[in-house]
Amino acid sequence: MTDKKPKSVFKQGAISSEFIGESIAKHQTKTSIGAHNIFLGQVRGDMIDGKIVSSIEYTAYEDMANQKFHDIREAAFEKFQLTCMHIYHSLGIVKAGEICLFVFVSSPRRKVVFEALEFIVEEIKAHVPVFGKEIFEDDTHQWKVNN
């Protein structure tokens, strides 16, 4: 593990396909990489109690959340043979169908990226203080339950 200061992983609003593409493209020339894996968390237009979710408004305890993201990142680098990793999460309103979480890992080996990505996403869900308020088509809302 390193003693680097945690960088902010938050993006305001949805994470665009252009941003995702640019992040991935940075690694195309690295010849030590044999595999990449990507997780894209997308806001679902779920029906809850007869109402359809139109968007989620994400909030966080940013300093605490950035530290948790940093700890997860460091633990993944320690546990898996990774070459690189990107983690970004949305804050603010993200509409149904848009991307709210982007995790990208690279490694010399294929199997590693699958195991690492599952570890990272499960750790994020379990430990990072990011909260979502589901906003319904009728403008009512409720706090999201992680499942």
C-alpha atoms as a PDB file:
ATOM      1  CA  MET A   1       0.000   0.000   0.000  1.00  0.00           C
ATOM      2  CA  THR A   2       1.062   3.548  -0.645  1.00  0.00           C
ATOM      3  CA  ASP A   3       0.586   6.663   1.416  1.00  0.00           C
ATOM      4  CA  LYS A   4      -0.882   8.666  -1.473  1.00  0.00           C
ATOM      5  CA  LYS A   5      -3.546  11.216  -0.626  1.00  0.00           C
ATOM      6  CA  PRO A   6      -6.924   9.918  -1.835  1.00  0.00           C
ATOM      7  CA  LYS A   7      -8.027  11.535  -5.089  1.00  0.00           C
ATOM      8  CA  SER A   8     -11.647  12.359  -5.726  1.00  0.00           C
ATOM      9  CA  VAL A   9     -13.477   9.647  -7.631  1.00  0.00           C
ATOM     10  CA  PHE A  10     -16.648  11.682  -8.065  1.00  0.00           C
ATOM     11  CA  LYS A  11     -18.059  13.016 -11.320  1.00  0.00           C
ATOM     12  CA  GLN A  12     -20.984  15.427 -11.347  1.00  0.00           C
ATOM     13  CA  GLY A  13     -23.954  13.808 -13.097  1.00  0.00           C
ATOM     14  CA  ALA A  14     -23.843  10.783 -15.378  1.00  0.00           C
ATOM     15  CA  ILE A  15     -20.534   9.262 -16.480  1.00  0.00           C
ATOM     16  CA  SER A  16     -20.404   9.695 -20.237  1.00  0.00           C
ATOM     17  CA  SER A  17     -19.403   7.073 -22.788  1.00  0.00           C
ATOM     18  CA  GLU A  18     -16.785   9.552 -24.052  1.00  0.00           C
ATOM     19  CA  PHE A  19     -15.176   9.746 -20.607  1.00  0.00           C
ATOM     20  CA  ILE A  20     -15.230   5.942 -20.305  1.00  0.00           C
ATOM     21  CA  GLY A  21     -13.717   5.529 -23.787  1.00  0.00           C
ATOM     22  CA  GLU A  22     -10.951   8.054 -23.101  1.00  0.00           C
ATOM     23  CA  SER A  23     -10.087   6.344 -19.802  1.00  0.00           C
ATOM     24  CA  ILE A  24      -9.802   2.959 -21.493  1.00  0.00           C
ATOM     25  CA  ALA A  25      -7.887   4.260 -24.527  1.00  0.00           C
ATOM     26  CA  LYS A  26      -5.041   5.489 -22.301  1.00  0.00           C
ATOM     27  CA  HIS A  27      -4.013   1.857 -21.770  1.00  0.00           C
ATOM     28  CA  GLN A  28      -4.020   0.529 -25.336  1.00  0.00           C
ATOM     29  CA  THR A  29      -0.284   0.970 -25.821  1.00  0.00           C
ATOM     30  CA  LYS A  30       0.811  -0.718 -22.584  1.00  0.00           C
ATOM     31  CA  THR A  31       2.338  -4.010 -23.688  1.00  0.00           C
ATOM     32  CA  SER A  32       2.414  -5.498 -20.170  1.00  0.00           C
ATOM     33  CA  ILE A  33      -1.400  -5.688 -20.087  1.00  0.00           C
ATOM     34  CA  GLY A  34      -3.063  -8.912 -21.217  1.00  0.00           C
ATOM     35  CA  ALA A  35      -6.635  -8.225 -20.057  1.00  0.00           C
ATOM     36  CA  HIS A  36      -9.041  -5.451 -19.111  1.00  0.00           C
ATOM     37  CA  ASN A  37     -12.378  -5.721 -17.353  1.00  0.00           C
ATOM     38  CA  ILE A  38     -15.055  -3.072 -16.944  1.00  0.00           C
ATOM     39  CA  PHE A  39     -18.053  -2.684 -14.656  1.00  0.00           C
ATOM     40  CA  LEU A  40     -20.654  -0.084 -15.545  1.00  0.00           C
ATOM     41  CA  GLY A  41     -23.348   0.542 -12.959  1.00  0.00           C
ATOM     42  CA  GLN A  42     -26.427   1.913 -14.680  1.00  0.00           C
ATOM     43  CA  VAL A  43     -29.510   3.509 -13.116  1.00  0.00           C
ATOM     44  CA  ARG A  44     -32.480   1.205 -13.629  1.00  0.00           C
ATOM     45  CA  GLY A  45     -35.985   2.460 -14.303  1.00  0.00           C
ATOM     46  CA  ASP A  46     -37.376   0.058 -11.690  1.00  0.00           C
ATOM     47  CA  MET A  47     -41.042  -0.058 -10.783  1.00  0.00           C
ATOM     48  CA  ILE A  48     -41.435   0.274  -7.017  1.00  0.00           C
ATOM     49  CA  ASP A  49     -44.892   0.255  -5.448  1.00  0.00           C
ATOM     50  CA  GLY A  50     -46.422   1.039  -8.829  1.00  0.00           C
ATOM     51  CA  LYS A  51     -44.101   3.996  -9.538  1.00  0.00           C
ATOM     52  CA  ILE A  52     -41.272   4.094 -12.082  1.00  0.00           C
ATOM     53  CA  VAL A  53     -37.829   5.406 -11.104  1.00  0.00           C
ATOM     54  CA  SER A  54     -36.846   8.199 -13.499  1.00  0.00           C
ATOM     55  CA  SER A  55     -33.508   9.091 -11.880  1.00  0.00           C
ATOM     56  CA  ILE A  56     -31.383   8.768  -8.768  1.00  0.00           C
ATOM     57  CA  GLU A  57     -29.831  11.687  -6.929  1.00  0.00           C
ATOM     58  CA  TYR A  58     -26.502  10.570  -5.415  1.00  0.00           C
ATOM     59  CA  THR A  59     -24.964  12.208  -2.368  1.00  0.00           C
ATOM     60  CA  ALA A  60     -21.958  11.218  -0.269  1.00  0.00           C
ATOM     61  CA  TYR A  61     -19.806  12.076   2.677  1.00  0.00           C
ATOM     62  CA  GLU A  62     -17.114  12.969   0.123  1.00  0.00           C
ATOM     63  CA  ASP A  63     -13.963  12.921   2.275  1.00  0.00           C
ATOM     64  CA  MET A  64     -14.964   9.670   3.943  1.00  0.00           C
ATOM     65  CA  ALA A  65     -16.092   8.128   0.650  1.00  0.00           C
ATOM     66  CA  ASN A  66     -12.886   9.119  -1.158  1.00  0.00           C
ATOM     67  CA  GLN A  67     -10.877   7.553   1.668  1.00  0.00           C
ATOM     68  CA  LYS A  68     -12.926   4.334   1.405  1.00  0.00           C
ATOM     69  CA  PHE A  69     -12.478   4.245  -2.381  1.00  0.00           C
ATOM     70  CA  HIS A  70      -8.732   4.759  -1.839  1.00  0.00           C
ATOM     71  CA  ASP A  71      -8.593   1.940   0.734  1.00  0.00           C
ATOM     72  CA  ILE A  72     -10.450  -0.416  -1.626  1.00  0.00           C
ATOM     73  CA  ARG A  73      -8.109   0.515  -4.457  1.00  0.00           C
ATOM     74  CA  GLU A  74      -5.023  -0.112  -2.333  1.00  0.00           C
ATOM     75  CA  ALA A  75      -6.400  -3.426  -1.041  1.00  0.00           C
ATOM     76  CA  ALA A  76      -7.117  -4.574  -4.608  1.00  0.00           C
ATOM     77  CA  PHE A  77      -3.600  -3.686  -5.768  1.00  0.00           C
ATOM     78  CA  GLU A  78      -2.199  -5.594  -2.800  1.00  0.00           C
ATOM     79  CA  LYS A  79      -4.430  -8.647  -3.305  1.00  0.00           C
ATOM     80  CA  PHE A  80      -4.338  -8.922  -7.133  1.00  0.00           C
ATOM     81  CA  GLN A  81      -1.663  -8.493  -9.790  1.00  0.00           C
ATOM     82  CA  LEU A  82      -3.160  -5.362 -11.363  1.00  0.00           C
ATOM     83  CA  THR A  83      -1.514  -2.993 -13.799  1.00  0.00           C
ATOM     84  CA  CYS A  84      -4.046  -0.183 -13.464  1.00  0.00           C
ATOM     85  CA  MET A  85      -7.454   0.700 -12.068  1.00  0.00           C
ATOM     86  CA  HIS A  86      -9.997   3.481 -12.484  1.00  0.00           C
ATOM     87  CA  ILE A  87     -12.984   4.037 -10.190  1.00  0.00           C
ATOM     88  CA  TYR A  88     -15.521   6.831 -10.727  1.00  0.00           C
ATOM     89  CA  HIS A  89     -18.924   7.382  -9.121  1.00  0.00           C
ATOM     90  CA  SER A  90     -21.578   9.969  -9.929  1.00  0.00           C
ATOM     91  CA  LEU A  91     -22.884  12.655  -7.617  1.00  0.00           C
ATOM     92  CA  GLY A  92     -26.040  14.592  -8.333  1.00  0.00           C
ATOM     93  CA  ILE A  93     -28.871  13.451 -10.572  1.00  0.00           C
ATOM     94  CA  VAL A  94     -28.381  10.519 -12.942  1.00  0.00           C
ATOM     95  CA  LYS A  95     -31.312   9.559 -15.176  1.00  0.00           C
ATOM     96  CA  ALA A  96     -32.510   6.001 -15.726  1.00  0.00           C
ATOM     97  CA  GLY A  97     -30.337   4.405 -18.403  1.00  0.00           C
ATOM     98  CA  GLU A  98     -27.258   6.506 -17.577  1.00  0.00           C
ATOM     99  CA  ILE A  99     -24.021   5.294 -15.985  1.00  0.00           C
ATOM    100  CA  CYS A 100     -23.405   6.094 -12.298  1.00  0.00           C
ATOM    101  CA  LEU A 101     -20.419   3.808 -11.487  1.00  0.00           C
ATOM    102  CA  PHE A 102     -17.414   3.028 -13.689  1.00  0.00           C
ATOM    103  CA  VAL A 103     -14.742   0.572 -12.562  1.00  0.00           C
ATOM    104  CA  PHE A 104     -11.939  -0.457 -14.925  1.00  0.00           C
ATOM    105  CA  VAL A 105      -9.069  -2.841 -14.115  1.00  0.00           C
ATOM    106  CA  SER A 106      -6.135  -4.155 -16.143  1.00  0.00           C
ATOM    107  CA  SER A 107      -3.698  -6.985 -15.504  1.00  0.00           C
ATOM    108  CA  PRO A 108      -1.246  -9.185 -17.344  1.00  0.00           C
ATOM    109  CA  ARG A 109      -3.667 -12.105 -16.765  1.00  0.00           C
ATOM    110  CA  ARG A 110      -7.329 -12.625 -17.739  1.00  0.00           C
ATOM    111  CA  LYS A 111      -8.497 -14.464 -14.620  1.00  0.00           C
ATOM    112  CA  VAL A 112      -7.167 -11.734 -12.335  1.00  0.00           C
ATOM    113  CA  VAL A 113      -9.326  -8.982 -13.830  1.00  0.00           C
ATOM    114  CA  PHE A 114     -12.533 -10.956 -13.222  1.00  0.00           C
ATOM    115  CA  GLU A 115     -11.679 -11.715  -9.595  1.00  0.00           C
ATOM    116  CA  ALA A 116     -10.425  -8.191  -8.901  1.00  0.00           C
ATOM    117  CA  LEU A 117     -13.457  -6.497 -10.419  1.00  0.00           C
ATOM    118  CA  GLU A 118     -15.911  -8.553  -8.391  1.00  0.00           C
ATOM    119  CA  PHE A 119     -13.924  -7.859  -5.206  1.00  0.00           C
ATOM    120  CA  ILE A 120     -13.849  -4.103  -5.898  1.00  0.00           C
ATOM    121  CA  VAL A 121     -17.548  -3.735  -6.728  1.00  0.00           C
ATOM    122  CA  GLU A 122     -18.628  -5.777  -3.694  1.00  0.00           C
ATOM    123  CA  GLU A 123     -16.373  -3.683  -1.435  1.00  0.00           C
ATOM    124  CA  ILE A 124     -17.810  -0.455  -2.866  1.00  0.00           C
ATOM    125  CA  LYS A 125     -21.384  -1.617  -2.252  1.00  0.00           C
ATOM    126  CA  ALA A 126     -20.594  -2.750   1.283  1.00  0.00           C
ATOM    127  CA  HIS A 127     -18.366   0.045   2.572  1.00  0.00           C
ATOM    128  CA  VAL A 128     -18.563   3.349   0.658  1.00  0.00           C
ATOM    129  CA  PRO A 129     -20.920   6.007   2.084  1.00  0.00           C
ATOM    130  CA  VAL A 130     -22.709   6.969  -1.139  1.00  0.00           C
ATOM    131  CA  PHE A 131     -26.466   7.352  -0.905  1.00  0.00           C
ATOM    132  CA  GLY A 132     -29.097   7.413  -3.604  1.00  0.00           C
ATOM    133  CA  LYS A 133     -32.490   9.065  -3.550  1.00  0.00           C
ATOM    134  CA  GLU A 134     -34.735   7.396  -6.130  1.00  0.00           C
ATOM    135  CA  ILE A 135     -36.866   9.982  -7.882  1.00  0.00           C
ATOM    136  CA  PHE A 136     -40.059   8.697  -9.464  1.00  0.00           C
ATOM    137  CA  GLU A 137     -41.808   9.921 -12.601  1.00  0.00           C
ATOM    138  CA  ASP A 138     -44.387  11.714 -10.420  1.00  0.00           C
ATOM    139  CA  ASP A 139     -41.537  13.663  -8.680  1.00  0.00           C
ATOM    140  CA  THR A 140     -41.964  11.825  -5.371  1.00  0.00           C
ATOM    141  CA  HIS A 141     -38.877  10.108  -3.968  1.00  0.00           C
ATOM    142  CA  GLN A 142     -37.501   7.570  -1.509  1.00  0.00           C
ATOM    143  CA  TRP A 143     -34.029   6.620  -0.323  1.00  0.00           C
ATOM    144  CA  LYS A 144     -32.555   3.744  -2.315  1.00  0.00           C
ATOM    145  CA  VAL A 145     -32.097   0.386  -0.634  1.00  0.00           C
ATOM    146  CA  ASN A 146     -28.917  -1.360  -1.825  1.00  0.00           C
ATOM    147  CA  ASN A 147     -29.596  -4.823  -3.154  1.00  0.00           C
END
